[in-house]
Amino acid sequence: MKRFIILLVVFFVIIANKANAMEVVDLLGRHVSINHKVSRIVAIGPGTLRLICYMDLANKVVNIENIEKKSTAPYMIANPHLLKLPVIGQGGPNSSINTEKI
């Protein structure tokens, strides 16, 4: 699971820093073509928001999970604006998100 989260974060970082079309291959070998510059990130899953904040991309996050609002982790203290973002689900292990809110 950690490997998937790290790959997902790297995927978004690469996309967020490119203005031109690019192609990314995921862990299952699927090819995904991105034709637009990505300027918004939704951090889904345990530890993802922490990694996004550590990469100084917290200003691109547009939704968070409810469990993050209860966190006293250093990355949340350093980025208090994240607490005001809309919630997309409970968060934590074995929880689902509301994809329509995304």
PDB file of N, CA and C in Angstrom:
ATOM      1  N   MET A   1       0.823  -1.199   0.000  1.00  0.00           N
ATOM      2  CA  MET A   1       0.000   0.000   0.000  1.00  0.00           C
ATOM      3  C   MET A   1       0.863   1.258   0.000  1.00  0.00           C
ATOM      4  N   LYS A   2       1.948   1.238   0.774  1.00  0.00           N
ATOM      5  CA  LYS A   2       2.830   2.405   0.803  1.00  0.00           C
ATOM      6  C   LYS A   2       3.419   2.666  -0.577  1.00  0.00           C
ATOM      7  N   ARG A   3       3.755   1.593  -1.267  1.00  0.00           N
ATOM      8  CA  ARG A   3       4.340   1.742  -2.606  1.00  0.00           C
ATOM      9  C   ARG A   3       3.341   2.403  -3.550  1.00  0.00           C
ATOM     10  N   PHE A   4       2.069   1.995  -3.447  1.00  0.00           N
ATOM     11  CA  PHE A   4       1.031   2.587  -4.284  1.00  0.00           C
ATOM     12  C   PHE A   4       0.866   4.073  -3.980  1.00  0.00           C
ATOM     13  N   ILE A   5       0.851   4.419  -2.711  1.00  0.00           N
ATOM     14  CA  ILE A   5       0.676   5.820  -2.315  1.00  0.00           C
ATOM     15  C   ILE A   5       1.842   6.658  -2.806  1.00  0.00           C
ATOM     16  N   ILE A   6       3.046   6.152  -2.644  1.00  0.00           N
ATOM     17  CA  ILE A   6       4.227   6.891  -3.102  1.00  0.00           C
ATOM     18  C   ILE A   6       4.179   7.070  -4.613  1.00  0.00           C
ATOM     19  N   LEU A   7       3.799   6.025  -5.334  1.00  0.00           N
ATOM     20  CA  LEU A   7       3.699   6.131  -6.790  1.00  0.00           C
ATOM     21  C   LEU A   7       2.630   7.144  -7.181  1.00  0.00           C
ATOM     22  N   LEU A   8       1.517   7.146  -6.475  1.00  0.00           N
ATOM     23  CA  LEU A   8       0.452   8.092  -6.755  1.00  0.00           C
ATOM     24  C   LEU A   8       0.920   9.527  -6.531  1.00  0.00           C
ATOM     25  N   VAL A   9       1.642   9.753  -5.466  1.00  0.00           N
ATOM     26  CA  VAL A   9       2.167  11.086  -5.171  1.00  0.00           C
ATOM     27  C   VAL A   9       3.157  11.516  -6.245  1.00  0.00           C
ATOM     28  N   VAL A  10       4.064  10.621  -6.611  1.00  0.00           N
ATOM     29  CA  VAL A  10       5.041  10.939  -7.664  1.00  0.00           C
ATOM     30  C   VAL A  10       4.308  11.257  -8.964  1.00  0.00           C
ATOM     31  N   PHE A  11       3.282  10.485  -9.261  1.00  0.00           N
ATOM     32  CA  PHE A  11       2.469  10.702 -10.461  1.00  0.00           C
ATOM     33  C   PHE A  11       1.919  12.129 -10.475  1.00  0.00           C
ATOM     34  N   PHE A  12       1.329  12.567  -9.359  1.00  0.00           N
ATOM     35  CA  PHE A  12       0.756  13.901  -9.304  1.00  0.00           C
ATOM     36  C   PHE A  12       1.824  14.989  -9.343  1.00  0.00           C
ATOM     37  N   VAL A  13       2.968  14.749  -8.753  1.00  0.00           N
ATOM     38  CA  VAL A  13       4.041  15.743  -8.777  1.00  0.00           C
ATOM     39  C   VAL A  13       4.546  15.929 -10.193  1.00  0.00           C
ATOM     40  N   ILE A  14       4.724  14.840 -10.890  1.00  0.00           N
ATOM     41  CA  ILE A  14       5.188  14.928 -12.275  1.00  0.00           C
ATOM     42  C   ILE A  14       4.181  15.690 -13.115  1.00  0.00           C
ATOM     43  N   ILE A  15       2.924  15.359 -12.936  1.00  0.00           N
ATOM     44  CA  ILE A  15       1.872  16.018 -13.717  1.00  0.00           C
ATOM     45  C   ILE A  15       1.777  17.492 -13.357  1.00  0.00           C
ATOM     46  N   ALA A  16       1.859  17.802 -12.082  1.00  0.00           N
ATOM     47  CA  ALA A  16       1.689  19.181 -11.636  1.00  0.00           C
ATOM     48  C   ALA A  16       2.789  20.097 -12.157  1.00  0.00           C
ATOM     49  N   ASN A  17       3.927  19.541 -12.498  1.00  0.00           N
ATOM     50  CA  ASN A  17       5.052  20.352 -12.927  1.00  0.00           C
ATOM     51  C   ASN A  17       5.234  20.396 -14.437  1.00  0.00           C
ATOM     52  N   LYS A  18       4.345  19.798 -15.185  1.00  0.00           N
ATOM     53  CA  LYS A  18       4.456  19.783 -16.642  1.00  0.00           C
ATOM     54  C   LYS A  18       3.294  20.550 -17.259  1.00  0.00           C
ATOM     55  N   ALA A  19       3.593  21.328 -18.288  1.00  0.00           N
ATOM     56  CA  ALA A  19       2.546  22.081 -18.967  1.00  0.00           C
ATOM     57  C   ALA A  19       2.093  21.379 -20.244  1.00  0.00           C
ATOM     58  N   ASN A  20       2.918  20.531 -20.813  1.00  0.00           N
ATOM     59  CA  ASN A  20       2.601  19.859 -22.065  1.00  0.00           C
ATOM     60  C   ASN A  20       2.044  18.469 -21.811  1.00  0.00           C
ATOM     61  N   ALA A  21       1.515  17.875 -22.875  1.00  0.00           N
ATOM     62  CA  ALA A  21       0.985  16.520 -22.778  1.00  0.00           C
ATOM     63  C   ALA A  21       2.100  15.551 -22.397  1.00  0.00           C
ATOM     64  N   MET A  22       1.720  14.559 -21.606  1.00  0.00           N
ATOM     65  CA  MET A  22       2.695  13.550 -21.207  1.00  0.00           C
ATOM     66  C   MET A  22       1.978  12.229 -20.999  1.00  0.00           C
ATOM     67  N   GLU A  23       2.746  11.161 -20.972  1.00  0.00           N
ATOM     68  CA  GLU A  23       2.166   9.850 -20.744  1.00  0.00           C
ATOM     69  C   GLU A  23       2.832   9.230 -19.532  1.00  0.00           C
ATOM     70  N   VAL A  24       2.010   8.635 -18.673  1.00  0.00           N
ATOM     71  CA  VAL A  24       2.497   7.993 -17.453  1.00  0.00           C
ATOM     72  C   VAL A  24       2.037   6.547 -17.475  1.00  0.00           C
ATOM     73  N   VAL A  25       2.897   5.634 -17.002  1.00  0.00           N
ATOM     74  CA  VAL A  25       2.546   4.224 -16.907  1.00  0.00           C
ATOM     75  C   VAL A  25       2.395   3.882 -15.428  1.00  0.00           C
ATOM     76  N   ASP A  26       1.240   3.308 -15.045  1.00  0.00           N
ATOM     77  CA  ASP A  26       1.014   2.980 -13.643  1.00  0.00           C
ATOM     78  C   ASP A  26       1.538   1.583 -13.317  1.00  0.00           C
ATOM     79  N   LEU A  27       1.335   1.142 -12.072  1.00  0.00           N
ATOM     80  CA  LEU A  27       1.850  -0.158 -11.629  1.00  0.00           C
ATOM     81  C   LEU A  27       1.264  -1.337 -12.384  1.00  0.00           C
ATOM     82  N   LEU A  28       0.091  -1.176 -12.954  1.00  0.00           N
ATOM     83  CA  LEU A  28      -0.545  -2.255 -13.710  1.00  0.00           C
ATOM     84  C   LEU A  28      -0.182  -2.225 -15.187  1.00  0.00           C
ATOM     85  N   GLY A  29       0.686  -1.304 -15.577  1.00  0.00           N
ATOM     86  CA  GLY A  29       1.132  -1.211 -16.961  1.00  0.00           C
ATOM     87  C   GLY A  29       0.204  -0.420 -17.862  1.00  0.00           C
ATOM     88  N   ARG A  30      -0.776   0.261 -17.280  1.00  0.00           N
ATOM     89  CA  ARG A  30      -1.695   1.061 -18.081  1.00  0.00           C
ATOM     90  C   ARG A  30      -1.038   2.382 -18.457  1.00  0.00           C
ATOM     91  N   HIS A  31      -1.261   2.819 -19.663  1.00  0.00           N
ATOM     92  CA  HIS A  31      -0.720   4.083 -20.146  1.00  0.00           C
ATOM     93  C   HIS A  31      -1.798   5.158 -20.022  1.00  0.00           C
ATOM     94  N   VAL A  32      -1.454   6.235 -19.335  1.00  0.00           N
ATOM     95  CA  VAL A  32      -2.390   7.335 -19.121  1.00  0.00           C
ATOM     96  C   VAL A  32      -1.801   8.580 -19.758  1.00  0.00           C
ATOM     97  N   SER A  33      -2.539   9.181 -20.668  1.00  0.00           N
ATOM     98  CA  SER A  33      -2.084  10.396 -21.337  1.00  0.00           C
ATOM     99  C   SER A  33      -2.768  11.602 -20.705  1.00  0.00           C
ATOM    100  N   ILE A  34      -1.980  12.574 -20.310  1.00  0.00           N
ATOM    101  CA  ILE A  34      -2.479  13.795 -19.696  1.00  0.00           C
ATOM    102  C   ILE A  34      -2.204  14.946 -20.653  1.00  0.00           C
ATOM    103  N   ASN A  35      -3.248  15.653 -21.048  1.00  0.00           N
ATOM    104  CA  ASN A  35      -3.099  16.725 -22.035  1.00  0.00           C
ATOM    105  C   ASN A  35      -3.182  18.125 -21.443  1.00  0.00           C
ATOM    106  N   HIS A  36      -3.393  18.231 -20.149  1.00  0.00           N
ATOM    107  CA  HIS A  36      -3.544  19.537 -19.513  1.00  0.00           C
ATOM    108  C   HIS A  36      -2.612  19.640 -18.311  1.00  0.00           C
ATOM    109  N   LYS A  37      -2.278  20.869 -17.974  1.00  0.00           N
ATOM    110  CA  LYS A  37      -1.493  21.101 -16.768  1.00  0.00           C
ATOM    111  C   LYS A  37      -2.388  20.869 -15.554  1.00  0.00           C
ATOM    112  N   VAL A  38      -1.936  20.056 -14.639  1.00  0.00           N
ATOM    113  CA  VAL A  38      -2.714  19.756 -13.443  1.00  0.00           C
ATOM    114  C   VAL A  38      -2.371  20.793 -12.372  1.00  0.00           C
ATOM    115  N   SER A  39      -3.410  21.444 -11.851  1.00  0.00           N
ATOM    116  CA  SER A  39      -3.170  22.483 -10.854  1.00  0.00           C
ATOM    117  C   SER A  39      -3.861  22.178  -9.534  1.00  0.00           C
ATOM    118  N   ARG A  40      -4.601  21.050  -9.464  1.00  0.00           N
ATOM    119  CA  ARG A  40      -5.312  20.687  -8.245  1.00  0.00           C
ATOM    120  C   ARG A  40      -5.019  19.233  -7.893  1.00  0.00           C
ATOM    121  N   ILE A  41      -4.865  18.976  -6.593  1.00  0.00           N
ATOM    122  CA  ILE A  41      -4.565  17.631  -6.100  1.00  0.00           C
ATOM    123  C   ILE A  41      -5.579  17.247  -5.039  1.00  0.00           C
ATOM    124  N   VAL A  42      -6.033  16.004  -5.087  1.00  0.00           N
ATOM    125  CA  VAL A  42      -6.865  15.432  -4.033  1.00  0.00           C
ATOM    126  C   VAL A  42      -6.051  14.286  -3.429  1.00  0.00           C
ATOM    127  N   ALA A  43      -5.702  14.410  -2.175  1.00  0.00           N
ATOM    128  CA  ALA A  43      -4.885  13.400  -1.490  1.00  0.00           C
ATOM    129  C   ALA A  43      -5.805  12.365  -0.860  1.00  0.00           C
ATOM    130  N   ILE A  44      -5.824  11.159  -1.423  1.00  0.00           N
ATOM    131  CA  ILE A  44      -6.705  10.094  -0.951  1.00  0.00           C
ATOM    132  C   ILE A  44      -5.854   8.961  -0.394  1.00  0.00           C
ATOM    133  N   GLY A  45      -6.156   8.536   0.809  1.00  0.00           N
ATOM    134  CA  GLY A  45      -5.476   7.387   1.396  1.00  0.00           C
ATOM    135  C   GLY A  45      -4.518   7.784   2.498  1.00  0.00           C
ATOM    136  N   PRO A  46      -4.221   6.817   3.365  1.00  0.00           N
ATOM    137  CA  PRO A  46      -3.350   7.076   4.510  1.00  0.00           C
ATOM    138  C   PRO A  46      -1.957   7.539   4.097  1.00  0.00           C
ATOM    139  N   GLY A  47      -1.527   8.668   4.617  1.00  0.00           N
ATOM    140  CA  GLY A  47      -0.178   9.164   4.387  1.00  0.00           C
ATOM    141  C   GLY A  47       0.004  10.002   3.138  1.00  0.00           C
ATOM    142  N   THR A  48      -0.983  10.038   2.270  1.00  0.00           N
ATOM    143  CA  THR A  48      -0.824  10.760   1.012  1.00  0.00           C
ATOM    144  C   THR A  48      -0.728  12.265   1.224  1.00  0.00           C
ATOM    145  N   LEU A  49      -1.599  12.822   2.045  1.00  0.00           N
ATOM    146  CA  LEU A  49      -1.554  14.263   2.298  1.00  0.00           C
ATOM    147  C   LEU A  49      -0.236  14.655   2.954  1.00  0.00           C
ATOM    148  N   ARG A  50       0.255  13.813   3.826  1.00  0.00           N
ATOM    149  CA  ARG A  50       1.547  14.079   4.478  1.00  0.00           C
ATOM    150  C   ARG A  50       2.652  14.192   3.425  1.00  0.00           C
ATOM    151  N   LEU A  51       2.686  13.260   2.486  1.00  0.00           N
ATOM    152  CA  LEU A  51       3.717  13.289   1.453  1.00  0.00           C
ATOM    153  C   LEU A  51       3.557  14.497   0.531  1.00  0.00           C
ATOM    154  N   ILE A  52       2.332  14.841   0.210  1.00  0.00           N
ATOM    155  CA  ILE A  52       2.075  16.029  -0.611  1.00  0.00           C
ATOM    156  C   ILE A  52       2.613  17.275   0.093  1.00  0.00           C
ATOM    157  N   CYS A  53       2.358  17.382   1.391  1.00  0.00           N
ATOM    158  CA  CYS A  53       2.840  18.539   2.159  1.00  0.00           C
ATOM    159  C   CYS A  53       4.362  18.547   2.239  1.00  0.00           C
ATOM    160  N   TYR A  54       4.971  17.395   2.409  1.00  0.00           N
ATOM    161  CA  TYR A  54       6.426  17.323   2.480  1.00  0.00           C
ATOM    162  C   TYR A  54       7.076  17.745   1.167  1.00  0.00           C
ATOM    163  N   MET A  55       6.354  17.586   0.068  1.00  0.00           N
ATOM    164  CA  MET A  55       6.872  18.005  -1.237  1.00  0.00           C
ATOM    165  C   MET A  55       6.506  19.447  -1.561  1.00  0.00           C
ATOM    166  N   ASP A  56       5.973  20.169  -0.569  1.00  0.00           N
ATOM    167  CA  ASP A  56       5.611  21.580  -0.697  1.00  0.00           C
ATOM    168  C   ASP A  56       4.556  21.810  -1.780  1.00  0.00           C
ATOM    169  N   LEU A  57       3.579  20.898  -1.856  1.00  0.00           N
ATOM    170  CA  LEU A  57       2.492  21.018  -2.818  1.00  0.00           C
ATOM    171  C   LEU A  57       1.146  21.221  -2.132  1.00  0.00           C
ATOM    172  N   ALA A  58       1.150  21.583  -0.863  1.00  0.00           N
ATOM    173  CA  ALA A  58      -0.090  21.753  -0.100  1.00  0.00           C
ATOM    174  C   ALA A  58      -0.976  22.833  -0.697  1.00  0.00           C
ATOM    175  N   ASN A  59      -0.401  23.793  -1.385  1.00  0.00           N
ATOM    176  CA  ASN A  59      -1.204  24.862  -1.990  1.00  0.00           C
ATOM    177  C   ASN A  59      -2.033  24.367  -3.171  1.00  0.00           C
ATOM    178  N   LYS A  60      -1.765  23.157  -3.676  1.00  0.00           N
ATOM    179  CA  LYS A  60      -2.523  22.590  -4.790  1.00  0.00           C
ATOM    180  C   LYS A  60      -3.633  21.646  -4.325  1.00  0.00           C
ATOM    181  N   VAL A  61      -3.679  21.332  -3.036  1.00  0.00           N
ATOM    182  CA  VAL A  61      -4.678  20.411  -2.507  1.00  0.00           C
ATOM    183  C   VAL A  61      -6.029  21.118  -2.443  1.00  0.00           C
ATOM    184  N   VAL A  62      -7.092  20.443  -2.948  1.00  0.00           N
ATOM    185  CA  VAL A  62      -8.419  21.056  -2.976  1.00  0.00           C
ATOM    186  C   VAL A  62      -9.444  20.323  -2.115  1.00  0.00           C
ATOM    187  N   ASN A  63      -9.195  19.083  -1.738  1.00  0.00           N
ATOM    188  CA  ASN A  63     -10.092  18.313  -0.873  1.00  0.00           C
ATOM    189  C   ASN A  63      -9.256  17.471   0.078  1.00  0.00           C
ATOM    190  N   ILE A  64      -9.789  17.220   1.275  1.00  0.00           N
ATOM    191  CA  ILE A  64      -9.107  16.338   2.215  1.00  0.00           C
ATOM    192  C   ILE A  64     -10.109  15.357   2.808  1.00  0.00           C
ATOM    193  N   GLU A  65      -9.586  14.365   3.495  1.00  0.00           N
ATOM    194  CA  GLU A  65     -10.431  13.410   4.194  1.00  0.00           C
ATOM    195  C   GLU A  65     -10.686  13.923   5.604  1.00  0.00           C
ATOM    196  N   ASN A  66     -11.805  13.548   6.185  1.00  0.00           N
ATOM    197  CA  ASN A  66     -12.215  14.046   7.496  1.00  0.00           C
ATOM    198  C   ASN A  66     -11.197  13.708   8.588  1.00  0.00           C
ATOM    199  N   ILE A  67     -10.551  12.573   8.478  1.00  0.00           N
ATOM    200  CA  ILE A  67      -9.584  12.164   9.497  1.00  0.00           C
ATOM    201  C   ILE A  67      -8.428  13.161   9.602  1.00  0.00           C
ATOM    202  N   GLU A  68      -8.131  13.857   8.511  1.00  0.00           N
ATOM    203  CA  GLU A  68      -7.043  14.850   8.521  1.00  0.00           C
ATOM    204  C   GLU A  68      -7.421  16.072   9.349  1.00  0.00           C
ATOM    205  N   LYS A  69      -8.697  16.384   9.452  1.00  0.00           N
ATOM    206  CA  LYS A  69      -9.132  17.545  10.243  1.00  0.00           C
ATOM    207  C   LYS A  69      -8.899  17.333  11.730  1.00  0.00           C
ATOM    208  N   LYS A  70      -8.793  16.073  12.149  1.00  0.00           N
ATOM    209  CA  LYS A  70      -8.561  15.751  13.561  1.00  0.00           C
ATOM    210  C   LYS A  70      -7.077  15.583  13.876  1.00  0.00           C
ATOM    211  N   SER A  71      -6.249  15.681  12.860  1.00  0.00           N
ATOM    212  CA  SER A  71      -4.815  15.423  13.016  1.00  0.00           C
ATOM    213  C   SER A  71      -4.098  16.609  13.658  1.00  0.00           C
ATOM    214  N   THR A  72      -3.134  16.297  14.500  1.00  0.00           N
ATOM    215  CA  THR A  72      -2.238  17.319  15.066  1.00  0.00           C
ATOM    216  C   THR A  72      -0.822  17.113  14.533  1.00  0.00           C
ATOM    217  N   ALA A  73      -0.732  16.486  13.381  1.00  0.00           N
ATOM    218  CA  ALA A  73       0.568  16.215  12.768  1.00  0.00           C
ATOM    219  C   ALA A  73       1.231  17.526  12.344  1.00  0.00           C
ATOM    220  N   PRO A  74       2.557  17.539  12.313  1.00  0.00           N
ATOM    221  CA  PRO A  74       3.284  18.761  11.946  1.00  0.00           C
ATOM    222  C   PRO A  74       2.892  19.333  10.588  1.00  0.00           C
ATOM    223  N   TYR A  75       2.607  18.468   9.613  1.00  0.00           N
ATOM    224  CA  TYR A  75       2.241  18.990   8.290  1.00  0.00           C
ATOM    225  C   TYR A  75       0.895  19.713   8.309  1.00  0.00           C
ATOM    226  N   MET A  76      -0.011  19.325   9.220  1.00  0.00           N
ATOM    227  CA  MET A  76      -1.292  20.025   9.336  1.00  0.00           C
ATOM    228  C   MET A  76      -1.123  21.343  10.094  1.00  0.00           C
ATOM    229  N   ILE A  77      -0.253  21.353  11.073  1.00  0.00           N
ATOM    230  CA  ILE A  77       0.020  22.588  11.817  1.00  0.00           C
ATOM    231  C   ILE A  77       0.691  23.612  10.908  1.00  0.00           C
ATOM    232  N   ALA A  78       1.575  23.140  10.025  1.00  0.00           N
ATOM    233  CA  ALA A  78       2.276  24.031   9.102  1.00  0.00           C
ATOM    234  C   ALA A  78       1.386  24.525   7.968  1.00  0.00           C
ATOM    235  N   ASN A  79       0.272  23.834   7.713  1.00  0.00           N
ATOM    236  CA  ASN A  79      -0.633  24.195   6.616  1.00  0.00           C
ATOM    237  C   ASN A  79      -2.071  24.301   7.131  1.00  0.00           C
ATOM    238  N   PRO A  80      -2.368  25.283   7.983  1.00  0.00           N
ATOM    239  CA  PRO A  80      -3.701  25.368   8.581  1.00  0.00           C
ATOM    240  C   PRO A  80      -4.814  25.627   7.566  1.00  0.00           C
ATOM    241  N   HIS A  81      -4.481  26.133   6.395  1.00  0.00           N
ATOM    242  CA  HIS A  81      -5.509  26.366   5.378  1.00  0.00           C
ATOM    243  C   HIS A  81      -6.155  25.062   4.905  1.00  0.00           C
ATOM    244  N   LEU A  82      -5.482  23.936   5.106  1.00  0.00           N
ATOM    245  CA  LEU A  82      -6.035  22.646   4.707  1.00  0.00           C
ATOM    246  C   LEU A  82      -7.291  22.291   5.511  1.00  0.00           C
ATOM    247  N   LEU A  83      -7.376  22.785   6.721  1.00  0.00           N
ATOM    248  CA  LEU A  83      -8.533  22.496   7.575  1.00  0.00           C
ATOM    249  C   LEU A  83      -9.825  23.110   7.042  1.00  0.00           C
ATOM    250  N   LYS A  84      -9.716  24.102   6.185  1.00  0.00           N
ATOM    251  CA  LYS A  84     -10.891  24.779   5.640  1.00  0.00           C
ATOM    252  C   LYS A  84     -11.385  24.145   4.333  1.00  0.00           C
ATOM    253  N   LEU A  85     -10.659  23.168   3.827  1.00  0.00           N
ATOM    254  CA  LEU A  85     -11.032  22.542   2.558  1.00  0.00           C
ATOM    255  C   LEU A  85     -12.216  21.592   2.714  1.00  0.00           C
ATOM    256  N   PRO A  86     -12.976  21.384   1.641  1.00  0.00           N
ATOM    257  CA  PRO A  86     -14.112  20.457   1.693  1.00  0.00           C
ATOM    258  C   PRO A  86     -13.661  19.019   1.956  1.00  0.00           C
ATOM    259  N   VAL A  87     -14.506  18.274   2.651  1.00  0.00           N
ATOM    260  CA  VAL A  87     -14.210  16.885   3.011  1.00  0.00           C
ATOM    261  C   VAL A  87     -14.826  15.956   1.966  1.00  0.00           C
ATOM    262  N   ILE A  88     -14.064  14.917   1.562  1.00  0.00           N
ATOM    263  CA  ILE A  88     -14.563  13.973   0.560  1.00  0.00           C
ATOM    264  C   ILE A  88     -14.858  12.594   1.133  1.00  0.00           C
ATOM    265  N   GLY A  89     -14.627  12.395   2.401  1.00  0.00           N
ATOM    266  CA  GLY A  89     -14.893  11.102   3.023  1.00  0.00           C
ATOM    267  C   GLY A  89     -14.266  11.023   4.398  1.00  0.00           C
ATOM    268  N   GLN A  90     -14.530   9.924   5.097  1.00  0.00           N
ATOM    269  CA  GLN A  90     -14.011   9.764   6.447  1.00  0.00           C
ATOM    270  C   GLN A  90     -12.492   9.665   6.460  1.00  0.00           C
ATOM    271  N   GLY A  91     -11.927   8.850   5.594  1.00  0.00           N
ATOM    272  CA  GLY A  91     -10.482   8.660   5.561  1.00  0.00           C
ATOM    273  C   GLY A  91     -10.035   7.537   6.470  1.00  0.00           C
ATOM    274  N   GLY A  92      -8.764   7.251   6.453  1.00  0.00           N
ATOM    275  CA  GLY A  92      -8.231   6.159   7.248  1.00  0.00           C
ATOM    276  C   GLY A  92      -8.329   4.834   6.506  1.00  0.00           C
ATOM    277  N   PRO A  93      -7.834   3.770   7.129  1.00  0.00           N
ATOM    278  CA  PRO A  93      -7.855   2.465   6.465  1.00  0.00           C
ATOM    279  C   PRO A  93      -9.276   1.943   6.273  1.00  0.00           C
ATOM    280  N   ASN A  94      -9.489   1.263   5.177  1.00  0.00           N
ATOM    281  CA  ASN A  94     -10.771   0.619   4.854  1.00  0.00           C
ATOM    282  C   ASN A  94     -11.956   1.573   4.821  1.00  0.00           C
ATOM    283  N   SER A  95     -11.760   2.770   4.359  1.00  0.00           N
ATOM    284  CA  SER A  95     -12.877   3.699   4.225  1.00  0.00           C
ATOM    285  C   SER A  95     -13.017   4.088   2.759  1.00  0.00           C
ATOM    286  N   SER A  96     -14.166   4.591   2.410  1.00  0.00           N
ATOM    287  CA  SER A  96     -14.389   4.996   1.023  1.00  0.00           C
ATOM    288  C   SER A  96     -14.561   6.506   0.963  1.00  0.00           C
ATOM    289  N   ILE A  97     -14.427   7.033  -0.249  1.00  0.00           N
ATOM    290  CA  ILE A  97     -14.576   8.462  -0.445  1.00  0.00           C
ATOM    291  C   ILE A  97     -15.820   8.733  -1.277  1.00  0.00           C
ATOM    292  N   ASN A  98     -16.275   9.949  -1.249  1.00  0.00           N
ATOM    293  CA  ASN A  98     -17.400  10.357  -2.074  1.00  0.00           C
ATOM    294  C   ASN A  98     -16.833  10.915  -3.378  1.00  0.00           C
ATOM    295  N   THR A  99     -16.828  10.080  -4.408  1.00  0.00           N
ATOM    296  CA  THR A  99     -16.213  10.495  -5.683  1.00  0.00           C
ATOM    297  C   THR A  99     -16.962  11.649  -6.336  1.00  0.00           C
ATOM    298  N   GLU A 100     -18.222  11.801  -6.044  1.00  0.00           N
ATOM    299  CA  GLU A 100     -18.977  12.905  -6.632  1.00  0.00           C
ATOM    300  C   GLU A 100     -18.557  14.250  -6.059  1.00  0.00           C
ATOM    301  N   LYS A 101     -18.039  14.257  -4.843  1.00  0.00           N
ATOM    302  CA  LYS A 101     -17.549  15.514  -4.264  1.00  0.00           C
ATOM    303  C   LYS A 101     -16.241  15.951  -4.917  1.00  0.00           C
ATOM    304  N   ILE A 102     -15.515  14.994  -5.451  1.00  0.00           N
ATOM    305  CA  ILE A 102     -14.272  15.333  -6.144  1.00  0.00           C
ATOM    306  C   ILE A 102     -14.615  16.007  -7.450  1.00  0.00           C
TER     307      ILE A 102
END
